[in-house]
Amino acid sequence: MTVAIPVRDGGELLVRTLRALARQTVAHELLVCDSGSRDGSVALARAHGARVVEIEPQKFGHGATRNLLVSEARGERVALLTQDAEPADERWLACLLGGFELAQDVGIVYGPYRPRPQASPAVRRELEGWFGSLSPDGQPRVERLQERERALSAGELVREHDWELVGRRGFFTDANACIARAAWERVPFREVAYAEDRLLALDMLRAGYAKAYVPRAAVLHSHDYTALEQLRRSFDEWRGLREVYGWREPASPRRLAGQLRGAVGTTRRKPHAEGAGTLRRGATLATVGARHTVRLAGALLGSRADRLPRGLRRRLSLERRGSFQPLDLEAPSSPSTQDSRT
């Protein structure tokens, strides 16, 4: 069993992640790929027993680096975290591995994000709402394609089920996941600029593997972005959905107003149930409304990134990426080969 983490200048959050891994009930190899840290992250990882693979910063890629990590891992199961995804308790890894026991065809497993204690109410509502919707009863879920769906070309599948794939059915995150090596050998990550985890899920499902969601395998992973950072993050996310699925977020005023009312309405009911005071409820509703509005703006822009000039795409991107690269879903994926390891 291996736990693998891509790292660059992990800081205090990496310290918390490594300490949480040391408390796990399942013995595991700890593997880190560092891409040019200058804050002592390499020494820190080694002090916690990690085997470290080092690459040049320009060699980092979301899919390529994870392919490198899985190829270097010694375990038949490879759990993936990001440096700021801290296992919520000592049974995180055991619960994640339990996802493979749900069905014989499970190739990938993932768990939810929980907000950190200091997270804002808006961030808390967003994470709890999304991950709660993936399993309303809190029980593990298994997703797979039907035989008829697997017979479709990737393009036909996306055209027929684009909304489902953008939502729960296609969702997967490699910030809190575990992959069966045998499945990865057939279906590795694609080397793309963004949304490599969603692409892996789509490729795994099309190859006949099932995807499992385990609500108890949680990590603490949340970001209180500024309004501009949230806009840019949403832009990147929805540009990725446009590149992968061709998804364009609907822009009708009625739909947008309905989404905003839904987000605020859900939040209004929850603080009331918790006994929050009037001022606190008002402040929370305003924050949630503003955050959701910014998120919608980023979604509308990102899903129309193909119409924007490259320079504007770069300014709107949190990752400062100016490209728009629609994916050829029919092209085969292949494992990364990186010779820059030291």
C-alpha atoms as a PDB file:
ATOM      1  CA  MET A   1       0.000   0.000   0.000  1.00  0.00           C
ATOM      2  CA  THR A   2       1.391   3.401  -1.031  1.00  0.00           C
ATOM      3  CA  VAL A   3       0.309   6.963  -0.268  1.00  0.00           C
ATOM      4  CA  ALA A   4       1.614   9.358  -2.944  1.00  0.00           C
ATOM      5  CA  ILE A   5       1.704  13.160  -2.846  1.00  0.00           C
ATOM      6  CA  PRO A   6       2.887  15.758  -5.386  1.00  0.00           C
ATOM      7  CA  VAL A   7       4.586  18.572  -3.466  1.00  0.00           C
ATOM      8  CA  ARG A   8       5.967  22.025  -4.045  1.00  0.00           C
ATOM      9  CA  ASP A   9       6.580  24.348  -1.079  1.00  0.00           C
ATOM     10  CA  GLY A  10       4.035  22.548   1.082  1.00  0.00           C
ATOM     11  CA  GLY A  11       4.598  24.618   4.206  1.00  0.00           C
ATOM     12  CA  GLU A  12       2.613  24.120   7.399  1.00  0.00           C
ATOM     13  CA  LEU A  13      -0.253  22.372   5.619  1.00  0.00           C
ATOM     14  CA  LEU A  14       2.139  19.665   4.409  1.00  0.00           C
ATOM     15  CA  VAL A  15       3.333  19.240   8.010  1.00  0.00           C
ATOM     16  CA  ARG A  16      -0.272  18.619   9.089  1.00  0.00           C
ATOM     17  CA  THR A  17      -0.837  16.149   6.256  1.00  0.00           C
ATOM     18  CA  LEU A  18       2.303  14.164   7.075  1.00  0.00           C
ATOM     19  CA  ARG A  19       1.459  14.049  10.768  1.00  0.00           C
ATOM     20  CA  ALA A  20      -2.033  12.774   9.986  1.00  0.00           C
ATOM     21  CA  LEU A  21      -0.566  10.068   7.751  1.00  0.00           C
ATOM     22  CA  ALA A  22       1.718   8.942  10.577  1.00  0.00           C
ATOM     23  CA  ARG A  23      -1.401   8.195  12.654  1.00  0.00           C
ATOM     24  CA  GLN A  24      -3.079   5.948  10.071  1.00  0.00           C
ATOM     25  CA  THR A  25      -4.098   2.441  11.129  1.00  0.00           C
ATOM     26  CA  VAL A  26      -2.921   0.953   7.810  1.00  0.00           C
ATOM     27  CA  ALA A  27       0.818   0.524   7.208  1.00  0.00           C
ATOM     28  CA  HIS A  28       1.914   2.177   3.971  1.00  0.00           C
ATOM     29  CA  GLU A  29       4.805   3.398   1.909  1.00  0.00           C
ATOM     30  CA  LEU A  30       4.964   7.199   1.748  1.00  0.00           C
ATOM     31  CA  LEU A  31       6.018   8.535  -1.659  1.00  0.00           C
ATOM     32  CA  VAL A  32       6.496  12.203  -2.552  1.00  0.00           C
ATOM     33  CA  CYS A  33       7.244  13.848  -5.897  1.00  0.00           C
ATOM     34  CA  ASP A  34       8.747  17.276  -5.305  1.00  0.00           C
ATOM     35  CA  SER A  35       8.924  19.771  -8.164  1.00  0.00           C
ATOM     36  CA  GLY A  36      11.368  22.388  -6.937  1.00  0.00           C
ATOM     37  CA  SER A  37      10.486  23.205  -3.321  1.00  0.00           C
ATOM     38  CA  ARG A  38      12.588  25.882  -1.643  1.00  0.00           C
ATOM     39  CA  ASP A  39      11.005  25.763   1.811  1.00  0.00           C
ATOM     40  CA  GLY A  40      12.494  22.528   3.114  1.00  0.00           C
ATOM     41  CA  SER A  41       9.612  20.311   1.997  1.00  0.00           C
ATOM     42  CA  VAL A  42      11.982  17.627   0.711  1.00  0.00           C
ATOM     43  CA  ALA A  43      13.809  17.330   4.034  1.00  0.00           C
ATOM     44  CA  LEU A  44      10.488  17.425   5.874  1.00  0.00           C
ATOM     45  CA  ALA A  45       9.074  14.583   3.776  1.00  0.00           C
ATOM     46  CA  ARG A  46      12.176  12.458   4.292  1.00  0.00           C
ATOM     47  CA  ALA A  47      12.053  13.122   8.029  1.00  0.00           C
ATOM     48  CA  HIS A  48       8.565  11.580   7.995  1.00  0.00           C
ATOM     49  CA  GLY A  49       9.867   8.464   6.230  1.00  0.00           C
ATOM     50  CA  ALA A  50       8.970   9.412   2.669  1.00  0.00           C
ATOM     51  CA  ARG A  51      10.801   8.222  -0.407  1.00  0.00           C
ATOM     52  CA  VAL A  52      11.202  11.373  -2.511  1.00  0.00           C
ATOM     53  CA  VAL A  53      11.364  11.645  -6.283  1.00  0.00           C
ATOM     54  CA  GLU A  54      12.522  15.065  -7.485  1.00  0.00           C
ATOM     55  CA  ILE A  55      11.705  16.674 -10.824  1.00  0.00           C
ATOM     56  CA  GLU A  56      12.317  20.098 -12.299  1.00  0.00           C
ATOM     57  CA  PRO A  57       9.418  22.564 -11.865  1.00  0.00           C
ATOM     58  CA  GLN A  58       8.819  22.755 -15.618  1.00  0.00           C
ATOM     59  CA  LYS A  59       8.357  18.976 -15.726  1.00  0.00           C
ATOM     60  CA  PHE A  60       5.340  19.088 -13.415  1.00  0.00           C
ATOM     61  CA  GLY A  61       1.972  18.193 -14.927  1.00  0.00           C
ATOM     62  CA  HIS A  62      -1.228  17.249 -13.107  1.00  0.00           C
ATOM     63  CA  GLY A  63      -1.610  13.996 -15.007  1.00  0.00           C
ATOM     64  CA  ALA A  64       2.040  13.331 -15.842  1.00  0.00           C
ATOM     65  CA  THR A  65       3.288  13.724 -12.278  1.00  0.00           C
ATOM     66  CA  ARG A  66       0.601  11.437 -10.897  1.00  0.00           C
ATOM     67  CA  ASN A  67       1.498   8.857 -13.526  1.00  0.00           C
ATOM     68  CA  LEU A  68       5.083   9.119 -12.342  1.00  0.00           C
ATOM     69  CA  LEU A  69       4.030   8.652  -8.725  1.00  0.00           C
ATOM     70  CA  VAL A  70       1.933   5.564  -9.488  1.00  0.00           C
ATOM     71  CA  SER A  71       4.703   4.082 -11.630  1.00  0.00           C
ATOM     72  CA  GLU A  72       7.189   4.565  -8.759  1.00  0.00           C
ATOM     73  CA  ALA A  73       4.837   3.245  -6.067  1.00  0.00           C
ATOM     74  CA  ARG A  74       5.490  -0.201  -4.620  1.00  0.00           C
ATOM     75  CA  GLY A  75       1.918  -0.885  -3.513  1.00  0.00           C
ATOM     76  CA  GLU A  76      -0.871  -2.532  -5.482  1.00  0.00           C
ATOM     77  CA  ARG A  77      -3.150   0.221  -4.211  1.00  0.00           C
ATOM     78  CA  VAL A  78      -1.971   3.828  -4.497  1.00  0.00           C
ATOM     79  CA  ALA A  79      -3.723   6.506  -2.458  1.00  0.00           C
ATOM     80  CA  LEU A  80      -3.363  10.044  -3.790  1.00  0.00           C
ATOM     81  CA  LEU A  81      -3.448  13.255  -1.780  1.00  0.00           C
ATOM     82  CA  THR A  82      -2.457  16.851  -2.388  1.00  0.00           C
ATOM     83  CA  GLN A  83      -0.061  18.503   0.043  1.00  0.00           C
ATOM     84  CA  ASP A  84      -2.911  20.469   1.660  1.00  0.00           C
ATOM     85  CA  ALA A  85      -5.386  17.570   1.978  1.00  0.00           C
ATOM     86  CA  GLU A  86      -5.101  16.356   5.576  1.00  0.00           C
ATOM     87  CA  PRO A  87      -6.709  12.994   6.472  1.00  0.00           C
ATOM     88  CA  ALA A  88      -9.544  13.791   8.878  1.00  0.00           C
ATOM     89  CA  ASP A  89      -8.861  10.857  11.207  1.00  0.00           C
ATOM     90  CA  GLU A  90      -6.658   7.812  11.685  1.00  0.00           C
ATOM     91  CA  ARG A  91      -9.014   5.532   9.711  1.00  0.00           C
ATOM     92  CA  TRP A  92      -8.983   7.610   6.519  1.00  0.00           C
ATOM     93  CA  LEU A  93      -6.788   5.135   4.630  1.00  0.00           C
ATOM     94  CA  ALA A  94      -8.642   2.085   5.926  1.00  0.00           C
ATOM     95  CA  CYS A  95     -11.970   3.590   4.835  1.00  0.00           C
ATOM     96  CA  LEU A  96     -10.591   4.500   1.425  1.00  0.00           C
ATOM     97  CA  LEU A  97      -9.298   0.968   0.880  1.00  0.00           C
ATOM     98  CA  GLY A  98     -12.703  -0.354   1.911  1.00  0.00           C
ATOM     99  CA  GLY A  99     -14.098   1.109  -1.279  1.00  0.00           C
ATOM    100  CA  PHE A 100     -12.492  -1.703  -3.260  1.00  0.00           C
ATOM    101  CA  GLU A 101     -14.510  -4.221  -1.244  1.00  0.00           C
ATOM    102  CA  LEU A 102     -17.810  -2.767  -2.485  1.00  0.00           C
ATOM    103  CA  ALA A 103     -17.544  -4.554  -5.849  1.00  0.00           C
ATOM    104  CA  GLN A 104     -14.982  -6.600  -7.764  1.00  0.00           C
ATOM    105  CA  ASP A 105     -14.821  -4.128 -10.647  1.00  0.00           C
ATOM    106  CA  VAL A 106     -13.935  -1.033  -8.597  1.00  0.00           C
ATOM    107  CA  GLY A 107     -10.838   0.606 -10.101  1.00  0.00           C
ATOM    108  CA  ILE A 108     -10.855   3.985  -8.367  1.00  0.00           C
ATOM    109  CA  VAL A 109     -12.133   5.194  -5.005  1.00  0.00           C
ATOM    110  CA  TYR A 110     -12.475   8.704  -3.633  1.00  0.00           C
ATOM    111  CA  GLY A 111     -13.665  10.497  -0.519  1.00  0.00           C
ATOM    112  CA  PRO A 112     -15.002  13.948   0.403  1.00  0.00           C
ATOM    113  CA  TYR A 113     -13.440  17.213   1.485  1.00  0.00           C
ATOM    114  CA  ARG A 114     -14.385  18.663   4.837  1.00  0.00           C
ATOM    115  CA  PRO A 115     -13.907  22.338   5.664  1.00  0.00           C
ATOM    116  CA  ARG A 116     -11.099  23.232   8.026  1.00  0.00           C
ATOM    117  CA  PRO A 117     -12.230  24.560  11.424  1.00  0.00           C
ATOM    118  CA  GLN A 118     -11.420  28.148  10.424  1.00  0.00           C
ATOM    119  CA  ALA A 119     -13.278  27.957   7.077  1.00  0.00           C
ATOM    120  CA  SER A 120     -15.860  30.648   6.403  1.00  0.00           C
ATOM    121  CA  PRO A 121     -19.588  29.777   6.536  1.00  0.00           C
ATOM    122  CA  ALA A 122     -19.788  30.180   2.739  1.00  0.00           C
ATOM    123  CA  VAL A 123     -17.001  27.669   2.121  1.00  0.00           C
ATOM    124  CA  ARG A 124     -18.477  25.323   4.722  1.00  0.00           C
ATOM    125  CA  ARG A 125     -21.917  25.385   3.061  1.00  0.00           C
ATOM    126  CA  GLU A 126     -20.411  24.839  -0.383  1.00  0.00           C
ATOM    127  CA  LEU A 127     -18.404  21.748   0.573  1.00  0.00           C
ATOM    128  CA  GLU A 128     -21.083  20.237   2.772  1.00  0.00           C
ATOM    129  CA  GLY A 129     -23.722  20.825   0.102  1.00  0.00           C
ATOM    130  CA  TRP A 130     -21.756  19.306  -2.790  1.00  0.00           C
ATOM    131  CA  PHE A 131     -20.314  16.265  -1.055  1.00  0.00           C
ATOM    132  CA  GLY A 132     -23.575  15.691   0.801  1.00  0.00           C
ATOM    133  CA  SER A 133     -25.379  15.550  -2.545  1.00  0.00           C
ATOM    134  CA  LEU A 134     -23.110  12.713  -3.695  1.00  0.00           C
ATOM    135  CA  SER A 135     -24.567  10.451  -1.009  1.00  0.00           C
ATOM    136  CA  PRO A 136     -27.562  11.944   0.816  1.00  0.00           C
ATOM    137  CA  ASP A 137     -27.794   8.962   3.209  1.00  0.00           C
ATOM    138  CA  GLY A 138     -24.069   9.002   3.990  1.00  0.00           C
ATOM    139  CA  GLN A 139     -23.493   5.504   2.607  1.00  0.00           C
ATOM    140  CA  PRO A 140     -20.851   4.458   0.030  1.00  0.00           C
ATOM    141  CA  ARG A 141     -21.880   4.717  -3.617  1.00  0.00           C
ATOM    142  CA  VAL A 142     -20.665   2.818  -6.687  1.00  0.00           C
ATOM    143  CA  GLU A 143     -20.956   4.264 -10.197  1.00  0.00           C
ATOM    144  CA  ARG A 144     -20.448   2.354 -13.434  1.00  0.00           C
ATOM    145  CA  LEU A 145     -21.548   2.553 -17.050  1.00  0.00           C
ATOM    146  CA  GLN A 146     -24.086   0.164 -18.455  1.00  0.00           C
ATOM    147  CA  GLU A 147     -22.935  -2.131 -21.237  1.00  0.00           C
ATOM    148  CA  ARG A 148     -24.940  -0.122 -23.773  1.00  0.00           C
ATOM    149  CA  GLU A 149     -23.241   3.090 -22.635  1.00  0.00           C
ATOM    150  CA  ARG A 150     -19.798   1.535 -22.857  1.00  0.00           C
ATOM    151  CA  ALA A 151     -20.514   0.587 -26.469  1.00  0.00           C
ATOM    152  CA  LEU A 152     -20.926   4.260 -27.359  1.00  0.00           C
ATOM    153  CA  SER A 153     -18.006   6.325 -28.565  1.00  0.00           C
ATOM    154  CA  ALA A 154     -16.723   8.827 -26.039  1.00  0.00           C
ATOM    155  CA  GLY A 155     -18.259  11.662 -28.025  1.00  0.00           C
ATOM    156  CA  GLU A 156     -21.644   9.936 -28.164  1.00  0.00           C
ATOM    157  CA  LEU A 157     -21.514   9.194 -24.445  1.00  0.00           C
ATOM    158  CA  VAL A 158     -20.743  12.805 -23.573  1.00  0.00           C
ATOM    159  CA  ARG A 159     -23.454  14.158 -25.881  1.00  0.00           C
ATOM    160  CA  GLU A 160     -26.017  11.788 -24.374  1.00  0.00           C
ATOM    161  CA  HIS A 161     -25.072  12.227 -20.716  1.00  0.00           C
ATOM    162  CA  ASP A 162     -23.210  15.523 -20.489  1.00  0.00           C
ATOM    163  CA  TRP A 163     -25.209  16.852 -17.513  1.00  0.00           C
ATOM    164  CA  GLU A 164     -24.785  13.626 -15.539  1.00  0.00           C
ATOM    165  CA  LEU A 165     -21.051  13.508 -16.271  1.00  0.00           C
ATOM    166  CA  VAL A 166     -20.552  17.125 -15.239  1.00  0.00           C
ATOM    167  CA  GLY A 167     -22.371  16.243 -12.014  1.00  0.00           C
ATOM    168  CA  ARG A 168     -22.206  13.278  -9.655  1.00  0.00           C
ATOM    169  CA  ARG A 169     -21.757  10.501 -12.164  1.00  0.00           C
ATOM    170  CA  GLY A 170     -18.533  11.855 -13.629  1.00  0.00           C
ATOM    171  CA  PHE A 171     -17.107  13.497 -10.523  1.00  0.00           C
ATOM    172  CA  PHE A 172     -13.805  12.275  -9.106  1.00  0.00           C
ATOM    173  CA  THR A 173     -11.015  14.032  -7.254  1.00  0.00           C
ATOM    174  CA  ASP A 174      -7.393  12.927  -7.010  1.00  0.00           C
ATOM    175  CA  ALA A 175      -6.866  15.187  -3.992  1.00  0.00           C
ATOM    176  CA  ASN A 176      -8.420  12.339  -1.963  1.00  0.00           C
ATOM    177  CA  ALA A 177      -8.394   9.101  -3.905  1.00  0.00           C
ATOM    178  CA  CYS A 178      -7.068   5.584  -4.272  1.00  0.00           C
ATOM    179  CA  ILE A 179      -6.262   3.737  -7.501  1.00  0.00           C
ATOM    180  CA  ALA A 180      -5.807   0.049  -8.186  1.00  0.00           C
ATOM    181  CA  ARG A 181      -2.447  -0.341  -9.921  1.00  0.00           C
ATOM    182  CA  ALA A 182      -3.852  -3.020 -12.265  1.00  0.00           C
ATOM    183  CA  ALA A 183      -6.536  -0.596 -13.426  1.00  0.00           C
ATOM    184  CA  TRP A 184      -4.026   2.257 -13.845  1.00  0.00           C
ATOM    185  CA  GLU A 185      -1.791   0.052 -15.990  1.00  0.00           C
ATOM    186  CA  ARG A 186      -4.662  -0.180 -18.446  1.00  0.00           C
ATOM    187  CA  VAL A 187      -6.012   3.334 -17.914  1.00  0.00           C
ATOM    188  CA  PRO A 188      -3.417   5.886 -16.788  1.00  0.00           C
ATOM    189  CA  PHE A 189      -3.942   9.587 -16.246  1.00  0.00           C
ATOM    190  CA  ARG A 190      -4.012  11.705 -19.361  1.00  0.00           C
ATOM    191  CA  GLU A 191      -1.349  14.383 -19.570  1.00  0.00           C
ATOM    192  CA  VAL A 192      -3.628  17.407 -19.742  1.00  0.00           C
ATOM    193  CA  ALA A 193      -3.491  20.915 -18.305  1.00  0.00           C
ATOM    194  CA  TYR A 194      -6.561  20.530 -16.092  1.00  0.00           C
ATOM    195  CA  ALA A 195      -9.310  18.094 -15.044  1.00  0.00           C
ATOM    196  CA  GLU A 196      -7.011  15.075 -15.187  1.00  0.00           C
ATOM    197  CA  ASP A 197      -9.009  13.438 -12.384  1.00  0.00           C
ATOM    198  CA  ARG A 198     -12.364  13.740 -14.155  1.00  0.00           C
ATOM    199  CA  LEU A 199     -10.766  12.391 -17.320  1.00  0.00           C
ATOM    200  CA  LEU A 200      -9.380   9.420 -15.436  1.00  0.00           C
ATOM    201  CA  ALA A 201     -12.857   8.665 -14.107  1.00  0.00           C
ATOM    202  CA  LEU A 202     -14.382   8.887 -17.582  1.00  0.00           C
ATOM    203  CA  ASP A 203     -11.687   6.649 -19.069  1.00  0.00           C
ATOM    204  CA  MET A 204     -12.000   4.136 -16.216  1.00  0.00           C
ATOM    205  CA  LEU A 205     -15.789   3.962 -16.561  1.00  0.00           C
ATOM    206  CA  ARG A 206     -15.527   3.493 -20.314  1.00  0.00           C
ATOM    207  CA  ALA A 207     -12.950   0.726 -19.790  1.00  0.00           C
ATOM    208  CA  GLY A 208     -15.428  -1.199 -17.623  1.00  0.00           C
ATOM    209  CA  TYR A 209     -14.236  -0.211 -14.154  1.00  0.00           C
ATOM    210  CA  ALA A 210     -16.491   1.087 -11.406  1.00  0.00           C
ATOM    211  CA  LYS A 211     -15.924   4.238  -9.355  1.00  0.00           C
ATOM    212  CA  ALA A 212     -16.635   4.197  -5.611  1.00  0.00           C
ATOM    213  CA  TYR A 213     -17.368   7.108  -3.285  1.00  0.00           C
ATOM    214  CA  VAL A 214     -16.741   6.561   0.433  1.00  0.00           C
ATOM    215  CA  PRO A 215     -18.122   9.422   2.596  1.00  0.00           C
ATOM    216  CA  ARG A 216     -16.188   8.321   5.689  1.00  0.00           C
ATOM    217  CA  ALA A 217     -12.804   8.614   3.927  1.00  0.00           C
ATOM    218  CA  ALA A 218     -12.644  12.385   4.419  1.00  0.00           C
ATOM    219  CA  VAL A 219      -9.822  14.904   4.266  1.00  0.00           C
ATOM    220  CA  LEU A 220      -9.657  18.469   5.570  1.00  0.00           C
ATOM    221  CA  HIS A 221      -9.298  20.486   2.385  1.00  0.00           C
ATOM    222  CA  SER A 222     -10.767  23.949   1.915  1.00  0.00           C
ATOM    223  CA  HIS A 223      -9.750  27.349   0.594  1.00  0.00           C
ATOM    224  CA  ASP A 224     -11.103  30.749   1.590  1.00  0.00           C
ATOM    225  CA  TYR A 225     -10.386  32.450  -1.702  1.00  0.00           C
ATOM    226  CA  THR A 226     -10.770  36.162  -2.214  1.00  0.00           C
ATOM    227  CA  ALA A 227     -13.494  37.154  -4.682  1.00  0.00           C
ATOM    228  CA  LEU A 228     -10.949  37.477  -7.495  1.00  0.00           C
ATOM    229  CA  GLU A 229      -9.301  34.150  -6.644  1.00  0.00           C
ATOM    230  CA  GLN A 230     -12.725  32.474  -6.565  1.00  0.00           C
ATOM    231  CA  LEU A 231     -13.573  33.921  -9.975  1.00  0.00           C
ATOM    232  CA  ARG A 232     -10.304  32.631 -11.393  1.00  0.00           C
ATOM    233  CA  ARG A 233     -10.647  29.219  -9.760  1.00  0.00           C
ATOM    234  CA  SER A 234     -14.171  28.830 -11.160  1.00  0.00           C
ATOM    235  CA  PHE A 235     -12.943  29.963 -14.570  1.00  0.00           C
ATOM    236  CA  ASP A 236     -10.308  27.202 -14.545  1.00  0.00           C
ATOM    237  CA  GLU A 237     -12.808  24.564 -13.412  1.00  0.00           C
ATOM    238  CA  TRP A 238     -15.413  25.345 -16.043  1.00  0.00           C
ATOM    239  CA  ARG A 239     -12.833  25.813 -18.805  1.00  0.00           C
ATOM    240  CA  GLY A 240     -11.747  22.263 -17.906  1.00  0.00           C
ATOM    241  CA  LEU A 241     -15.335  21.021 -18.180  1.00  0.00           C
ATOM    242  CA  ARG A 242     -15.625  22.734 -21.550  1.00  0.00           C
ATOM    243  CA  GLU A 243     -12.378  21.144 -22.761  1.00  0.00           C
ATOM    244  CA  VAL A 244     -13.330  17.655 -21.541  1.00  0.00           C
ATOM    245  CA  TYR A 245     -17.087  17.442 -22.077  1.00  0.00           C
ATOM    246  CA  GLY A 246     -17.807  20.422 -24.318  1.00  0.00           C
ATOM    247  CA  TRP A 247     -20.045  21.654 -21.500  1.00  0.00           C
ATOM    248  CA  ARG A 248     -21.279  25.244 -21.731  1.00  0.00           C
ATOM    249  CA  GLU A 249     -22.944  26.523 -18.571  1.00  0.00           C
ATOM    250  CA  PRO A 250     -26.491  27.748 -19.400  1.00  0.00           C
ATOM    251  CA  ALA A 251     -26.737  31.526 -19.150  1.00  0.00           C
ATOM    252  CA  SER A 252     -30.484  32.161 -19.050  1.00  0.00           C
ATOM    253  CA  PRO A 253     -31.388  34.783 -16.396  1.00  0.00           C
ATOM    254  CA  ARG A 254     -34.132  32.553 -15.047  1.00  0.00           C
ATOM    255  CA  ARG A 255     -31.749  29.661 -14.461  1.00  0.00           C
ATOM    256  CA  LEU A 256     -29.080  31.851 -12.899  1.00  0.00           C
ATOM    257  CA  ALA A 257     -31.583  33.484 -10.578  1.00  0.00           C
ATOM    258  CA  GLY A 258     -32.917  30.064  -9.602  1.00  0.00           C
ATOM    259  CA  GLN A 259     -29.437  28.796  -8.756  1.00  0.00           C
ATOM    260  CA  LEU A 260     -28.744  31.835  -6.602  1.00  0.00           C
ATOM    261  CA  ARG A 261     -32.092  31.533  -4.811  1.00  0.00           C
ATOM    262  CA  GLY A 262     -31.403  27.864  -4.185  1.00  0.00           C
ATOM    263  CA  ALA A 263     -27.980  28.492  -2.647  1.00  0.00           C
ATOM    264  CA  VAL A 264     -29.242  31.307  -0.435  1.00  0.00           C
ATOM    265  CA  GLY A 265     -32.419  29.426   0.504  1.00  0.00           C
ATOM    266  CA  THR A 266     -30.503  26.359   1.648  1.00  0.00           C
ATOM    267  CA  THR A 267     -28.209  28.548   3.719  1.00  0.00           C
ATOM    268  CA  ARG A 268     -31.119  30.490   5.208  1.00  0.00           C
ATOM    269  CA  ARG A 269     -32.711  27.325   6.518  1.00  0.00           C
ATOM    270  CA  LYS A 270     -29.539  25.893   8.016  1.00  0.00           C
ATOM    271  CA  PRO A 271     -28.449  28.857  10.182  1.00  0.00           C
ATOM    272  CA  HIS A 272     -32.027  29.142  11.415  1.00  0.00           C
ATOM    273  CA  ALA A 273     -32.014  25.506  12.463  1.00  0.00           C
ATOM    274  CA  GLU A 274     -28.710  26.068  14.255  1.00  0.00           C
ATOM    275  CA  GLY A 275     -30.167  28.944  16.234  1.00  0.00           C
ATOM    276  CA  ALA A 276     -27.984  31.664  14.704  1.00  0.00           C
ATOM    277  CA  GLY A 277     -28.874  35.263  15.504  1.00  0.00           C
ATOM    278  CA  THR A 278     -30.387  37.663  12.990  1.00  0.00           C
ATOM    279  CA  LEU A 279     -27.170  39.571  12.338  1.00  0.00           C
ATOM    280  CA  ARG A 280     -25.153  36.423  11.907  1.00  0.00           C
ATOM    281  CA  ARG A 281     -27.737  34.951   9.519  1.00  0.00           C
ATOM    282  CA  GLY A 282     -27.754  38.138   7.474  1.00  0.00           C
ATOM    283  CA  ALA A 283     -23.969  38.256   7.211  1.00  0.00           C
ATOM    284  CA  THR A 284     -23.800  34.585   6.239  1.00  0.00           C
ATOM    285  CA  LEU A 285     -26.503  34.955   3.589  1.00  0.00           C
ATOM    286  CA  ALA A 286     -24.747  37.961   2.093  1.00  0.00           C
ATOM    287  CA  THR A 287     -21.410  36.124   1.988  1.00  0.00           C
ATOM    288  CA  VAL A 288     -22.936  33.008   0.443  1.00  0.00           C
ATOM    289  CA  GLY A 289     -24.835  35.067  -2.118  1.00  0.00           C
ATOM    290  CA  ALA A 290     -21.719  36.993  -3.114  1.00  0.00           C
ATOM    291  CA  ARG A 291     -19.564  33.861  -3.331  1.00  0.00           C
ATOM    292  CA  HIS A 292     -22.148  32.038  -5.430  1.00  0.00           C
ATOM    293  CA  THR A 293     -22.500  35.020  -7.763  1.00  0.00           C
ATOM    294  CA  VAL A 294     -18.733  35.156  -8.299  1.00  0.00           C
ATOM    295  CA  ARG A 295     -18.653  31.389  -8.837  1.00  0.00           C
ATOM    296  CA  LEU A 296     -21.411  31.635 -11.459  1.00  0.00           C
ATOM    297  CA  ALA A 297     -19.556  34.434 -13.231  1.00  0.00           C
ATOM    298  CA  GLY A 298     -16.407  32.298 -13.378  1.00  0.00           C
ATOM    299  CA  ALA A 299     -18.433  29.346 -14.640  1.00  0.00           C
ATOM    300  CA  LEU A 300     -20.045  31.365 -17.431  1.00  0.00           C
ATOM    301  CA  LEU A 301     -16.695  32.776 -18.541  1.00  0.00           C
ATOM    302  CA  GLY A 302     -14.799  29.487 -18.224  1.00  0.00           C
ATOM    303  CA  SER A 303     -17.317  27.479 -20.210  1.00  0.00           C
ATOM    304  CA  ARG A 304     -16.996  30.061 -22.988  1.00  0.00           C
ATOM    305  CA  ALA A 305     -13.205  30.241 -22.852  1.00  0.00           C
ATOM    306  CA  ASP A 306     -12.970  29.195 -26.496  1.00  0.00           C
ATOM    307  CA  ARG A 307     -14.436  32.585 -27.441  1.00  0.00           C
ATOM    308  CA  LEU A 308     -12.000  34.638 -25.372  1.00  0.00           C
ATOM    309  CA  PRO A 309      -8.582  35.987 -26.432  1.00  0.00           C
ATOM    310  CA  ARG A 310      -5.600  34.107 -25.046  1.00  0.00           C
ATOM    311  CA  GLY A 311      -4.431  37.101 -23.033  1.00  0.00           C
ATOM    312  CA  LEU A 312      -7.800  37.441 -21.316  1.00  0.00           C
ATOM    313  CA  ARG A 313      -7.878  33.702 -20.568  1.00  0.00           C
ATOM    314  CA  ARG A 314      -4.498  34.033 -18.875  1.00  0.00           C
ATOM    315  CA  ARG A 315      -5.661  36.962 -16.735  1.00  0.00           C
ATOM    316  CA  LEU A 316      -8.811  35.118 -15.735  1.00  0.00           C
ATOM    317  CA  SER A 317      -6.962  31.907 -14.778  1.00  0.00           C
ATOM    318  CA  LEU A 318      -5.776  31.186 -11.249  1.00  0.00           C
ATOM    319  CA  GLU A 319      -3.083  28.988 -12.810  1.00  0.00           C
ATOM    320  CA  ARG A 320      -2.226  31.750 -15.312  1.00  0.00           C
ATOM    321  CA  ARG A 321      -2.968  29.406 -18.211  1.00  0.00           C
ATOM    322  CA  GLY A 322      -3.895  31.132 -21.442  1.00  0.00           C
ATOM    323  CA  SER A 323      -4.574  28.074 -23.600  1.00  0.00           C
ATOM    324  CA  PHE A 324      -7.815  26.403 -24.596  1.00  0.00           C
ATOM    325  CA  GLN A 325      -7.270  22.758 -25.510  1.00  0.00           C
ATOM    326  CA  PRO A 326     -10.374  20.708 -26.366  1.00  0.00           C
ATOM    327  CA  LEU A 327      -9.663  17.064 -25.683  1.00  0.00           C
ATOM    328  CA  ASP A 328      -9.823  14.288 -28.237  1.00  0.00           C
ATOM    329  CA  LEU A 329     -11.663  11.761 -26.078  1.00  0.00           C
ATOM    330  CA  GLU A 330     -11.037   8.992 -28.601  1.00  0.00           C
ATOM    331  CA  ALA A 331      -7.250   9.355 -28.364  1.00  0.00           C
ATOM    332  CA  PRO A 332      -5.707   6.637 -26.177  1.00  0.00           C
ATOM    333  CA  SER A 333      -3.973   7.623 -22.961  1.00  0.00           C
ATOM    334  CA  SER A 334      -0.533   6.275 -22.127  1.00  0.00           C
ATOM    335  CA  PRO A 335       1.619   6.341 -18.988  1.00  0.00           C
ATOM    336  CA  SER A 336       4.065   9.188 -18.586  1.00  0.00           C
ATOM    337  CA  THR A 337       7.773   8.622 -19.010  1.00  0.00           C
ATOM    338  CA  GLN A 338       9.835  11.248 -17.201  1.00  0.00           C
ATOM    339  CA  ASP A 339      13.590  10.896 -17.198  1.00  0.00           C
ATOM    340  CA  SER A 340      14.227  13.953 -15.017  1.00  0.00           C
ATOM    341  CA  ARG A 341      13.941  12.082 -11.704  1.00  0.00           C
ATOM    342  CA  THR A 342      16.953  12.305  -9.393  1.00  0.00           C
END
